[in-house]
Amino acid sequence: MPRPFELVTPRVLLRQWRDDDLEPLVALNADPEVSRYLGGHITRTDSEAMAERMRTHWAQRDFGVWALELRGDRGERGPRSPLIGLCGIVVPRYETKFSPFVEIIWRLATAHWGKGLVTEAARAALEDGFNEQDFPDVVATTVQQNQRSWRVMERLGMRRSPQDDFDHPLVPEANPLRPHIVYRLSRQAWRRGA
C-alpha cells in the first residue's frame, strides 16, 4: 500500500510541500517570536535551504516534515489554505551521543499559538511514525527556556531524558541556546497511551 501524502486531523491538514509554500515559510521563519529559540533571525536563504532539505528528506526516506494548513470551520478542506506551520519526523542532520535517532519537530505561526494545533498535528505525525514507519522511539529536543515546546512534548506523552541532554553541534559554542534538553517516546508507550 503506498504511503499517504497527507494526514488529516479534525482541524489541521498535514500535506506535502508546494512551491507556493516558500513565501509563507520565509515569513514564518522571519517572525522573531518563532525563531526566538532557534538561534535568532532566520534569513530567506536559510528558509530556502530548509525547504530544499525537507523536500530532499521526503524523496530519500519516504517520511519527513509535513506542511500544515488549517481545515475549514467544520473540518472541511478549503480550496488552498495557506501554510501555517510545519510538523514531522526527520533524521537530523547532526549527530549526538545517542545517534542514530529520529526527531519530531514543529513550528507554527504565532497567530495560531495556544490552540492545541501543534499537539494535534504532532499526534498525527507520531501515529504515522510509529504505525507506518515502525520507529521504535522518537526524540524531541529544545532549549530549557522553550517552555511552550517542552509542554507540547509532555502533552504528547513524551518523557524527559536528562541523560541524553547535549550541546547542539549546529549552535555556536558561545550561544546560550547551545544546551538542549531531550524528551523521548517509545512505540510501546505510545500504543499504551493511544
Protein backbone atom coordinates (compact mmCIF):
# COMPACT_ATOMS: atom_id res chain seq x y z
CA MET A 1 0.00 0.00 0.00
CA PRO A 2 1.52 3.39 -0.95
CA ARG A 3 2.38 5.91 1.73
CA PRO A 4 -0.20 8.65 2.30
CA PHE A 5 0.84 12.03 1.01
CA GLU A 6 -1.25 13.81 3.60
CA LEU A 7 -2.59 13.27 7.09
CA VAL A 8 -5.86 14.73 8.29
CA THR A 9 -6.85 15.72 11.83
CA PRO A 10 -10.06 17.45 12.90
CA ARG A 11 -8.53 20.91 12.42
CA VAL A 12 -5.25 20.50 10.55
CA LEU A 13 -4.12 19.08 7.23
CA LEU A 14 -0.55 17.76 7.15
CA ARG A 15 0.40 17.75 3.49
CA GLN A 16 3.31 17.67 1.09
CA TRP A 17 5.16 20.87 0.28
CA ARG A 18 4.14 23.06 -2.66
CA ASP A 19 6.11 25.75 -4.46
CA ASP A 20 3.75 28.42 -3.12
CA ASP A 21 4.71 27.48 0.47
CA LEU A 22 8.06 29.25 0.21
CA GLU A 23 6.83 32.79 0.93
CA PRO A 24 4.76 31.75 3.99
CA LEU A 25 7.75 29.68 5.21
CA VAL A 26 10.04 32.70 4.85
CA ALA A 27 7.51 34.82 6.80
CA LEU A 28 7.12 32.14 9.48
CA ASN A 29 10.86 31.85 10.00
CA ALA A 30 11.34 35.64 9.97
CA ASP A 31 8.97 36.09 12.93
CA PRO A 32 11.22 36.88 15.94
CA GLU A 33 8.89 35.00 18.31
CA VAL A 34 9.01 31.87 16.16
CA SER A 35 12.80 32.00 15.80
CA ARG A 36 13.47 33.08 19.39
CA TYR A 37 14.79 29.68 20.48
CA LEU A 38 16.07 28.67 17.06
CA GLY A 39 19.18 30.80 17.13
CA GLY A 40 17.68 34.15 16.18
CA HIS A 41 16.97 35.68 12.79
CA ILE A 42 16.43 33.13 10.01
CA THR A 43 17.22 34.61 6.60
CA ARG A 44 15.41 34.00 3.34
CA THR A 45 18.43 31.99 2.17
CA ASP A 46 18.17 29.85 5.31
CA SER A 47 14.45 29.27 4.65
CA GLU A 48 15.11 28.34 1.02
CA ALA A 49 17.77 25.84 2.14
CA MET A 50 15.37 24.46 4.75
CA ALA A 51 12.62 23.96 2.14
CA GLU A 52 15.06 22.12 -0.11
CA ARG A 53 16.24 19.90 2.77
CA MET A 54 12.65 18.99 3.64
CA ARG A 55 11.82 18.00 0.06
CA THR A 56 15.06 16.01 -0.27
CA HIS A 57 14.40 14.21 3.02
CA TRP A 58 10.96 13.11 1.74
CA ALA A 59 12.40 11.96 -1.60
CA GLN A 60 15.18 9.96 0.04
CA ARG A 61 13.33 8.47 3.03
CA ASP A 62 9.59 8.49 2.28
CA PHE A 63 8.86 10.36 5.51
CA GLY A 64 9.65 13.82 6.80
CA VAL A 65 8.23 17.20 7.72
CA TRP A 66 4.70 17.99 6.56
CA ALA A 67 3.41 21.45 5.65
CA LEU A 68 0.48 22.43 7.91
CA GLU A 69 -2.67 24.17 6.85
CA LEU A 70 -5.95 24.76 8.64
CA ARG A 71 -9.07 22.90 7.66
CA GLY A 72 -12.40 24.76 7.44
CA ASP A 73 -14.55 25.65 10.44
CA ARG A 74 -16.41 22.37 10.09
CA GLY A 75 -13.29 20.36 9.31
CA GLU A 76 -13.54 20.69 5.55
CA ARG A 77 -10.51 21.20 3.42
CA GLY A 78 -10.53 24.62 1.85
CA PRO A 79 -9.58 25.22 -1.78
CA ARG A 80 -5.97 26.07 -0.85
CA SER A 81 -5.31 27.21 2.65
CA PRO A 82 -2.03 28.99 3.31
CA LEU A 83 0.82 27.39 5.21
CA ILE A 84 0.54 27.97 8.98
CA GLY A 85 3.47 25.85 10.09
CA LEU A 86 5.25 22.56 9.81
CA CYS A 87 5.46 19.28 11.70
CA GLY A 88 7.01 15.89 11.13
CA ILE A 89 9.70 13.36 11.90
CA VAL A 90 13.20 13.59 10.48
CA VAL A 91 16.61 12.04 10.65
CA PRO A 92 18.57 15.03 12.00
CA ARG A 93 21.48 16.43 10.05
CA TYR A 94 23.66 16.40 13.17
CA GLU A 95 24.95 13.69 15.49
CA THR A 96 24.76 13.36 19.26
CA LYS A 97 25.92 10.82 21.83
CA PHE A 98 22.66 8.88 21.23
CA SER A 99 22.74 8.84 17.40
CA PRO A 100 21.20 7.38 15.29
CA PHE A 101 17.71 8.60 16.10
CA VAL A 102 14.63 10.24 14.58
CA GLU A 103 13.32 13.55 15.86
CA ILE A 104 9.88 15.10 15.75
CA ILE A 105 9.94 18.82 15.01
CA TRP A 106 7.30 21.53 14.66
CA ARG A 107 6.93 25.22 14.04
CA LEU A 108 3.73 27.28 13.97
CA ALA A 109 2.82 30.86 13.07
CA THR A 110 2.23 32.90 16.24
CA ALA A 111 -1.35 33.74 15.20
CA HIS A 112 -2.16 30.07 15.81
CA TRP A 113 -0.36 29.55 19.12
CA GLY A 114 -2.28 28.41 22.20
CA LYS A 115 -4.97 26.48 20.31
CA GLY A 116 -3.55 22.96 20.54
CA LEU A 117 -2.86 22.78 16.79
CA VAL A 118 0.77 21.70 17.14
CA THR A 119 -0.18 18.96 19.60
CA GLU A 120 -2.90 17.76 17.20
CA ALA A 121 -0.52 17.74 14.23
CA ALA A 122 2.28 16.10 16.23
CA ARG A 123 -0.05 13.30 17.34
CA ALA A 124 -0.84 12.57 13.69
CA ALA A 125 2.87 12.61 12.80
CA LEU A 126 3.70 10.27 15.70
CA GLU A 127 0.86 7.93 14.74
CA ASP A 128 2.29 7.77 11.23
CA GLY A 129 5.85 7.33 12.52
CA PHE A 130 5.03 4.52 14.91
CA ASN A 131 2.43 2.69 12.80
CA GLU A 132 3.66 3.24 9.24
CA GLN A 133 7.40 3.76 9.68
CA ASP A 134 7.65 1.40 12.67
CA PHE A 135 10.06 3.66 14.58
CA PRO A 136 10.95 2.10 17.96
CA ASP A 137 11.13 5.54 19.56
CA VAL A 138 11.07 9.23 18.69
CA VAL A 139 13.08 12.05 20.26
CA ALA A 140 12.22 15.73 20.65
CA THR A 141 14.76 18.38 21.62
CA THR A 142 14.63 22.02 22.61
CA VAL A 143 16.30 24.53 24.88
CA GLN A 144 15.28 24.58 28.55
CA GLN A 145 13.88 28.12 28.13
CA ASN A 146 11.37 26.99 25.49
CA GLN A 147 8.55 26.03 27.84
CA ARG A 148 5.92 26.06 25.09
CA SER A 149 7.80 23.37 23.21
CA TRP A 150 8.55 21.03 26.11
CA ARG A 151 4.98 21.36 27.34
CA VAL A 152 3.81 20.07 23.95
CA MET A 153 6.25 17.18 24.37
CA GLU A 154 4.70 16.36 27.73
CA ARG A 155 1.14 16.57 26.34
CA LEU A 156 2.22 14.06 23.70
CA GLY A 157 3.25 11.63 26.44
CA MET A 158 6.97 12.16 25.91
CA ARG A 159 9.21 11.81 28.95
CA ARG A 160 12.24 13.87 29.86
CA SER A 161 15.53 12.03 29.27
CA PRO A 162 18.15 14.14 31.11
CA GLN A 163 20.93 11.61 30.49
CA ASP A 164 20.60 12.45 26.77
CA ASP A 165 20.86 16.25 27.12
CA PHE A 166 23.51 17.63 24.78
CA ASP A 167 25.16 20.73 23.37
CA HIS A 168 23.68 21.21 19.91
CA PRO A 169 26.50 20.92 17.37
CA LEU A 170 24.86 23.34 14.90
CA VAL A 171 24.71 26.13 17.51
CA PRO A 172 27.90 28.16 18.14
CA GLU A 173 29.69 27.35 21.41
CA ALA A 174 29.21 30.79 22.98
CA ASN A 175 25.47 30.84 22.22
CA PRO A 176 23.25 30.35 25.32
CA LEU A 177 20.89 28.26 23.12
CA ARG A 178 23.51 25.55 22.60
CA PRO A 179 22.47 23.33 25.58
CA HIS A 180 19.46 21.21 24.56
CA ILE A 181 17.16 19.04 26.63
CA VAL A 182 15.77 15.77 25.32
CA TYR A 183 12.37 14.10 25.55
CA ARG A 184 11.61 10.57 24.32
CA LEU A 185 8.58 8.48 23.45
CA SER A 186 8.72 4.75 22.70
CA ARG A 187 6.38 2.96 20.36
CA GLN A 188 5.21 0.75 23.27
CA ALA A 189 4.41 3.79 25.45
CA TRP A 190 2.58 5.42 22.52
CA ARG A 191 0.46 2.32 21.94
CA ARG A 192 -0.34 2.01 25.64
CA GLY A 193 -1.47 5.63 25.71
CA ALA A 194 -3.29 5.62 22.38
